[in-house]
Amino acid sequence: MTLATKTRTLLTALALTGFGTQMALADKISVLTEAPAPAAEAPADAVVVNIAKMKYEQPEVTIKPGQTVTWINTEAMPHNVAFKAGVVGEAKMDGAMMKKDQSYSITFNEAGTYDYHCTPHPFMKAKVIVE
């Protein structure tokens, strides 16, 4: 197998994996942007969860289906929002790492309880309840 063929095969596999993951997540949640955005660009109507002092400041938020939650990292330590397998889809979902003053937004489309954590700091835990 040539290098070009290996590269095409790898790219195809990655594309199919990404497509499959997006399809699995599409019903329960919608990630607004894959990369973190500046905090100032967070959706105005979103429920905001600030990250400070190594914790999610609101350990539990309750929203309605179709509402968006935006996490804003207010400290120098990078953080993210991650869901274990089975929470938002069959596979686990690790959100992008946010640096200071960056945000990450997810719209929750289905009722349920969505427990999440920070990948590098698994003691940081919280949940979104959609009812």
N, C-alpha and C. Protein backbone atom coordinates (compact mmCIF):
# COMPACT_ATOMS: atom_id res chain seq x y z
N MET A 1 0.86 -1.17 0.00
CA MET A 1 0.00 0.00 0.00
C MET A 1 0.91 1.23 0.00
N THR A 2 0.63 2.14 -0.90
CA THR A 2 1.45 3.34 -1.01
C THR A 2 1.09 4.32 0.10
N LEU A 3 1.96 5.28 0.31
CA LEU A 3 1.70 6.32 1.32
C LEU A 3 0.43 7.09 0.98
N ALA A 4 0.21 7.39 -0.29
CA ALA A 4 -0.99 8.13 -0.69
C ALA A 4 -2.25 7.32 -0.37
N THR A 5 -2.21 6.03 -0.63
CA THR A 5 -3.36 5.16 -0.35
C THR A 5 -3.60 5.06 1.15
N LYS A 6 -2.51 4.91 1.93
CA LYS A 6 -2.65 4.86 3.39
C LYS A 6 -3.26 6.16 3.92
N THR A 7 -2.80 7.28 3.38
CA THR A 7 -3.30 8.58 3.82
C THR A 7 -4.79 8.72 3.51
N ARG A 8 -5.19 8.34 2.27
CA ARG A 8 -6.61 8.41 1.90
C ARG A 8 -7.45 7.50 2.78
N THR A 9 -6.95 6.30 3.07
CA THR A 9 -7.67 5.35 3.91
C THR A 9 -7.85 5.92 5.32
N LEU A 10 -6.78 6.49 5.87
CA LEU A 10 -6.85 7.08 7.20
C LEU A 10 -7.82 8.26 7.22
N LEU A 11 -7.73 9.14 6.22
CA LEU A 11 -8.64 10.29 6.17
C LEU A 11 -10.09 9.86 6.02
N THR A 12 -10.34 8.84 5.22
CA THR A 12 -11.70 8.33 5.06
C THR A 12 -12.21 7.77 6.38
N ALA A 13 -11.38 7.00 7.08
CA ALA A 13 -11.79 6.43 8.36
C ALA A 13 -12.09 7.53 9.37
N LEU A 14 -11.24 8.55 9.41
CA LEU A 14 -11.47 9.66 10.33
C LEU A 14 -12.76 10.40 9.98
N ALA A 15 -12.99 10.62 8.70
CA ALA A 15 -14.21 11.32 8.28
C ALA A 15 -15.45 10.52 8.66
N LEU A 16 -15.42 9.21 8.43
CA LEU A 16 -16.56 8.38 8.77
C LEU A 16 -16.77 8.32 10.27
N THR A 17 -15.69 8.27 11.03
CA THR A 17 -15.81 8.27 12.49
C THR A 17 -16.44 9.57 12.96
N GLY A 18 -15.97 10.69 12.45
CA GLY A 18 -16.52 11.98 12.83
C GLY A 18 -17.97 12.11 12.42
N PHE A 19 -18.31 11.62 11.23
CA PHE A 19 -19.69 11.68 10.75
C PHE A 19 -20.58 10.83 11.64
N GLY A 20 -20.12 9.65 11.99
CA GLY A 20 -20.91 8.76 12.84
C GLY A 20 -21.12 9.35 14.21
N THR A 21 -20.10 9.98 14.77
CA THR A 21 -20.23 10.60 16.08
C THR A 21 -21.22 11.75 16.03
N GLN A 22 -21.13 12.59 15.01
CA GLN A 22 -22.04 13.72 14.88
C GLN A 22 -23.47 13.23 14.75
N MET A 23 -23.66 12.16 13.99
CA MET A 23 -25.01 11.62 13.83
C MET A 23 -25.54 11.13 15.17
N ALA A 24 -24.70 10.44 15.95
CA ALA A 24 -25.14 9.91 17.24
C ALA A 24 -25.48 11.03 18.21
N LEU A 25 -24.78 12.13 18.12
CA LEU A 25 -25.01 13.24 19.04
C LEU A 25 -26.12 14.16 18.57
N ALA A 26 -26.44 14.12 17.28
CA ALA A 26 -27.34 15.10 16.70
C ALA A 26 -28.70 15.14 17.37
N ASP A 27 -29.21 14.00 17.83
CA ASP A 27 -30.53 13.99 18.43
C ASP A 27 -30.55 14.60 19.82
N LYS A 28 -29.57 14.29 20.66
CA LYS A 28 -29.60 14.74 22.05
C LYS A 28 -29.01 16.14 22.24
N ILE A 29 -27.90 16.41 21.57
CA ILE A 29 -27.24 17.71 21.73
C ILE A 29 -26.76 18.23 20.39
N SER A 30 -26.47 19.53 20.36
CA SER A 30 -25.84 20.17 19.22
C SER A 30 -24.70 21.02 19.75
N VAL A 31 -23.50 20.74 19.29
CA VAL A 31 -22.33 21.53 19.69
C VAL A 31 -22.28 22.72 18.74
N LEU A 32 -22.30 23.93 19.29
CA LEU A 32 -22.38 25.12 18.44
C LEU A 32 -21.10 25.37 17.66
N THR A 33 -19.95 25.16 18.28
CA THR A 33 -18.67 25.27 17.57
C THR A 33 -17.74 24.19 18.11
N GLU A 34 -16.95 23.59 17.25
CA GLU A 34 -16.02 22.55 17.69
C GLU A 34 -14.90 23.14 18.54
N ALA A 35 -14.45 24.34 18.19
CA ALA A 35 -13.37 24.99 18.93
C ALA A 35 -13.96 25.99 19.92
N PRO A 36 -13.27 26.24 21.02
CA PRO A 36 -13.75 27.27 21.96
C PRO A 36 -13.84 28.63 21.28
N ALA A 37 -14.76 29.44 21.76
CA ALA A 37 -14.94 30.80 21.23
C ALA A 37 -14.58 31.79 22.32
N PRO A 38 -14.29 33.03 21.95
CA PRO A 38 -14.08 34.05 22.98
C PRO A 38 -15.33 34.17 23.85
N ALA A 39 -15.15 34.34 25.14
CA ALA A 39 -16.28 34.43 26.07
C ALA A 39 -17.26 35.53 25.65
N ALA A 40 -16.75 36.61 25.10
CA ALA A 40 -17.60 37.73 24.69
C ALA A 40 -18.55 37.35 23.55
N GLU A 41 -18.26 36.25 22.85
CA GLU A 41 -19.10 35.82 21.73
C GLU A 41 -20.11 34.74 22.13
N ALA A 42 -20.24 34.48 23.41
CA ALA A 42 -21.21 33.47 23.88
C ALA A 42 -22.62 33.91 23.50
N PRO A 43 -23.50 32.95 23.16
CA PRO A 43 -24.88 33.32 22.81
C PRO A 43 -25.54 34.09 23.95
N ALA A 44 -26.21 35.18 23.62
CA ALA A 44 -26.81 36.05 24.64
C ALA A 44 -27.90 35.35 25.45
N ASP A 45 -28.60 34.39 24.84
CA ASP A 45 -29.70 33.73 25.53
C ASP A 45 -29.29 32.43 26.22
N ALA A 46 -28.01 32.14 26.26
CA ALA A 46 -27.53 30.89 26.86
C ALA A 46 -27.51 30.96 28.38
N VAL A 47 -27.68 29.82 29.00
CA VAL A 47 -27.48 29.69 30.45
C VAL A 47 -25.97 29.54 30.64
N VAL A 48 -25.37 30.40 31.46
CA VAL A 48 -23.91 30.42 31.60
C VAL A 48 -23.48 29.67 32.85
N VAL A 49 -22.47 28.81 32.67
CA VAL A 49 -21.82 28.13 33.78
C VAL A 49 -20.36 28.58 33.76
N ASN A 50 -19.97 29.34 34.78
CA ASN A 50 -18.58 29.79 34.87
C ASN A 50 -17.72 28.69 35.48
N ILE A 51 -16.49 28.63 35.02
CA ILE A 51 -15.50 27.71 35.59
C ILE A 51 -14.48 28.56 36.32
N ALA A 52 -14.35 28.32 37.63
CA ALA A 52 -13.42 29.09 38.46
C ALA A 52 -13.01 28.25 39.66
N LYS A 53 -11.79 28.46 40.13
CA LYS A 53 -11.29 27.79 41.34
C LYS A 53 -11.45 26.28 41.25
N MET A 54 -11.16 25.74 40.05
CA MET A 54 -11.16 24.29 39.81
C MET A 54 -12.54 23.66 40.03
N LYS A 55 -13.60 24.39 39.66
CA LYS A 55 -14.94 23.81 39.74
C LYS A 55 -15.87 24.52 38.77
N TYR A 56 -16.96 23.84 38.44
CA TYR A 56 -18.06 24.47 37.71
C TYR A 56 -18.87 25.20 38.77
N GLU A 57 -19.00 26.52 38.66
CA GLU A 57 -19.63 27.30 39.72
C GLU A 57 -21.10 26.96 39.94
N GLN A 58 -21.78 26.50 38.92
CA GLN A 58 -23.16 26.03 39.06
C GLN A 58 -23.12 24.52 38.86
N PRO A 59 -23.12 23.74 39.95
CA PRO A 59 -22.98 22.29 39.80
C PRO A 59 -24.19 21.63 39.16
N GLU A 60 -25.31 22.36 39.09
CA GLU A 60 -26.52 21.81 38.46
C GLU A 60 -27.31 22.96 37.85
N VAL A 61 -27.65 22.81 36.57
CA VAL A 61 -28.52 23.78 35.92
C VAL A 61 -29.70 23.03 35.32
N THR A 62 -30.87 23.65 35.36
CA THR A 62 -32.08 23.06 34.78
C THR A 62 -32.54 23.96 33.65
N ILE A 63 -32.75 23.35 32.49
CA ILE A 63 -33.16 24.08 31.29
C ILE A 63 -34.29 23.33 30.60
N LYS A 64 -34.80 23.93 29.53
CA LYS A 64 -35.83 23.31 28.70
C LYS A 64 -35.18 22.78 27.42
N PRO A 65 -35.78 21.77 26.78
CA PRO A 65 -35.23 21.30 25.50
C PRO A 65 -35.08 22.45 24.51
N GLY A 66 -33.96 22.46 23.81
CA GLY A 66 -33.68 23.52 22.85
C GLY A 66 -32.87 24.67 23.40
N GLN A 67 -32.67 24.70 24.72
CA GLN A 67 -31.87 25.78 25.31
C GLN A 67 -30.38 25.42 25.23
N THR A 68 -29.57 26.46 25.29
CA THR A 68 -28.12 26.33 25.19
C THR A 68 -27.46 26.62 26.52
N VAL A 69 -26.44 25.83 26.84
CA VAL A 69 -25.59 26.09 28.00
C VAL A 69 -24.22 26.49 27.46
N THR A 70 -23.68 27.57 28.01
CA THR A 70 -22.34 28.02 27.65
C THR A 70 -21.47 27.98 28.88
N TRP A 71 -20.33 27.30 28.75
CA TRP A 71 -19.35 27.26 29.83
C TRP A 71 -18.28 28.29 29.51
N ILE A 72 -17.91 29.08 30.52
CA ILE A 72 -16.87 30.10 30.35
C ILE A 72 -15.77 29.83 31.36
N ASN A 73 -14.56 29.65 30.86
CA ASN A 73 -13.41 29.42 31.73
C ASN A 73 -12.85 30.77 32.16
N THR A 74 -12.88 31.03 33.48
CA THR A 74 -12.42 32.32 34.00
C THR A 74 -11.05 32.23 34.64
N GLU A 75 -10.40 31.07 34.54
CA GLU A 75 -9.08 30.95 35.17
C GLU A 75 -8.03 30.49 34.16
N ALA A 76 -6.78 30.61 34.56
CA ALA A 76 -5.65 30.31 33.66
C ALA A 76 -5.55 28.82 33.31
N MET A 77 -5.99 27.95 34.19
CA MET A 77 -5.93 26.50 33.96
C MET A 77 -6.92 26.10 32.87
N PRO A 78 -6.49 25.35 31.83
CA PRO A 78 -7.44 24.91 30.80
C PRO A 78 -8.43 23.88 31.36
N HIS A 79 -9.66 23.96 30.88
CA HIS A 79 -10.73 23.03 31.28
C HIS A 79 -11.58 22.69 30.06
N ASN A 80 -12.39 21.64 30.21
CA ASN A 80 -13.35 21.30 29.15
C ASN A 80 -14.62 20.74 29.77
N VAL A 81 -15.52 20.31 28.91
CA VAL A 81 -16.77 19.67 29.30
C VAL A 81 -16.78 18.32 28.59
N ALA A 82 -16.88 17.24 29.35
CA ALA A 82 -16.82 15.90 28.77
C ALA A 82 -17.96 15.05 29.30
N PHE A 83 -18.48 14.19 28.43
CA PHE A 83 -19.56 13.28 28.78
C PHE A 83 -19.10 11.85 28.59
N LYS A 84 -19.39 10.99 29.55
CA LYS A 84 -19.05 9.57 29.43
C LYS A 84 -19.91 8.93 28.35
N ALA A 85 -19.47 7.79 27.86
CA ALA A 85 -20.23 7.03 26.86
C ALA A 85 -21.63 6.77 27.40
N GLY A 86 -22.62 6.93 26.54
CA GLY A 86 -24.00 6.68 26.91
C GLY A 86 -24.76 7.90 27.39
N VAL A 87 -24.07 8.99 27.67
CA VAL A 87 -24.77 10.19 28.19
C VAL A 87 -25.38 10.98 27.04
N VAL A 88 -24.58 11.34 26.04
CA VAL A 88 -25.11 12.09 24.90
C VAL A 88 -25.10 11.27 23.61
N GLY A 89 -24.54 10.11 23.67
CA GLY A 89 -24.46 9.21 22.52
C GLY A 89 -23.78 7.93 22.94
N GLU A 90 -23.59 7.02 22.01
CA GLU A 90 -22.96 5.74 22.34
C GLU A 90 -21.51 5.92 22.77
N ALA A 91 -20.82 6.85 22.13
CA ALA A 91 -19.41 7.10 22.45
C ALA A 91 -19.29 8.24 23.45
N LYS A 92 -18.16 8.31 24.14
CA LYS A 92 -17.92 9.45 25.02
C LYS A 92 -17.73 10.69 24.16
N MET A 93 -17.91 11.84 24.74
CA MET A 93 -17.71 13.09 24.02
C MET A 93 -16.90 14.04 24.88
N ASP A 94 -15.72 14.38 24.41
CA ASP A 94 -14.85 15.33 25.11
C ASP A 94 -14.88 16.65 24.36
N GLY A 95 -15.39 17.69 25.01
CA GLY A 95 -15.39 19.01 24.40
C GLY A 95 -13.98 19.57 24.32
N ALA A 96 -13.82 20.58 23.52
CA ALA A 96 -12.51 21.22 23.34
C ALA A 96 -12.04 21.87 24.63
N MET A 97 -10.74 21.91 24.81
CA MET A 97 -10.15 22.55 25.99
C MET A 97 -10.28 24.07 25.86
N MET A 98 -10.78 24.69 26.91
CA MET A 98 -10.95 26.15 26.94
C MET A 98 -9.82 26.77 27.76
N LYS A 99 -9.21 27.78 27.19
CA LYS A 99 -8.23 28.58 27.93
C LYS A 99 -8.99 29.70 28.63
N LYS A 100 -8.27 30.52 29.38
CA LYS A 100 -8.89 31.64 30.10
C LYS A 100 -9.68 32.52 29.12
N ASP A 101 -10.88 32.90 29.56
CA ASP A 101 -11.78 33.78 28.81
C ASP A 101 -12.25 33.18 27.48
N GLN A 102 -12.32 31.85 27.42
CA GLN A 102 -12.91 31.18 26.28
C GLN A 102 -14.20 30.48 26.72
N SER A 103 -15.08 30.24 25.76
CA SER A 103 -16.35 29.59 26.06
C SER A 103 -16.58 28.41 25.13
N TYR A 104 -17.51 27.55 25.54
CA TYR A 104 -17.90 26.38 24.76
C TYR A 104 -19.40 26.21 24.98
N SER A 105 -20.17 26.08 23.90
CA SER A 105 -21.62 26.06 24.01
C SER A 105 -22.23 24.80 23.41
N ILE A 106 -23.24 24.28 24.11
CA ILE A 106 -23.97 23.09 23.65
C ILE A 106 -25.46 23.37 23.81
N THR A 107 -26.23 23.04 22.78
CA THR A 107 -27.69 23.09 22.86
C THR A 107 -28.18 21.68 23.17
N PHE A 108 -29.04 21.57 24.17
CA PHE A 108 -29.59 20.28 24.60
C PHE A 108 -30.98 20.13 24.00
N ASN A 109 -31.16 19.12 23.18
CA ASN A 109 -32.40 18.94 22.42
C ASN A 109 -33.41 18.00 23.06
N GLU A 110 -32.96 17.12 23.93
CA GLU A 110 -33.85 16.11 24.52
C GLU A 110 -33.85 16.21 26.04
N ALA A 111 -35.01 15.90 26.63
CA ALA A 111 -35.11 15.85 28.09
C ALA A 111 -34.20 14.77 28.63
N GLY A 112 -33.67 15.00 29.82
CA GLY A 112 -32.81 14.02 30.47
C GLY A 112 -31.83 14.70 31.40
N THR A 113 -31.02 13.89 32.05
CA THR A 113 -29.96 14.39 32.93
C THR A 113 -28.63 14.10 32.27
N TYR A 114 -27.81 15.12 32.13
CA TYR A 114 -26.54 15.03 31.43
C TYR A 114 -25.41 15.33 32.42
N ASP A 115 -24.85 14.29 33.00
CA ASP A 115 -23.71 14.45 33.91
C ASP A 115 -22.46 14.69 33.07
N TYR A 116 -21.63 15.63 33.52
CA TYR A 116 -20.40 15.91 32.80
C TYR A 116 -19.26 16.15 33.77
N HIS A 117 -18.05 16.19 33.22
CA HIS A 117 -16.84 16.39 34.03
C HIS A 117 -15.78 17.06 33.17
N CYS A 118 -14.68 17.42 33.80
CA CYS A 118 -13.53 17.99 33.11
C CYS A 118 -12.54 16.85 32.89
N THR A 119 -12.11 16.64 31.66
CA THR A 119 -11.24 15.50 31.36
C THR A 119 -9.94 15.50 32.18
N PRO A 120 -9.17 16.59 32.20
CA PRO A 120 -7.93 16.54 32.99
C PRO A 120 -8.14 16.66 34.50
N HIS A 121 -9.34 17.04 34.91
CA HIS A 121 -9.64 17.20 36.35
C HIS A 121 -10.94 16.46 36.66
N PRO A 122 -10.92 15.13 36.71
CA PRO A 122 -12.15 14.34 36.83
C PRO A 122 -12.95 14.58 38.11
N PHE A 123 -12.34 15.24 39.10
CA PHE A 123 -13.08 15.58 40.32
C PHE A 123 -14.03 16.76 40.07
N MET A 124 -13.86 17.47 38.96
CA MET A 124 -14.77 18.56 38.59
C MET A 124 -15.97 17.92 37.90
N LYS A 125 -17.11 17.91 38.58
CA LYS A 125 -18.31 17.27 38.04
C LYS A 125 -19.51 18.19 38.20
N ALA A 126 -20.46 18.07 37.28
CA ALA A 126 -21.69 18.84 37.34
C ALA A 126 -22.71 18.17 36.43
N LYS A 127 -23.90 18.78 36.32
CA LYS A 127 -24.92 18.20 35.46
C LYS A 127 -25.85 19.26 34.90
N VAL A 128 -26.40 18.91 33.73
CA VAL A 128 -27.44 19.70 33.09
C VAL A 128 -28.69 18.83 33.12
N ILE A 129 -29.79 19.39 33.65
CA ILE A 129 -31.06 18.69 33.66
C ILE A 129 -31.97 19.38 32.65
N VAL A 130 -32.46 18.61 31.71
CA VAL A 130 -33.35 19.15 30.68
C VAL A 130 -34.74 18.56 30.93
N GLU A 131 -35.71 19.47 31.23
CA GLU A 131 -37.09 18.99 31.50
C GLU A 131 -38.13 19.84 30.82
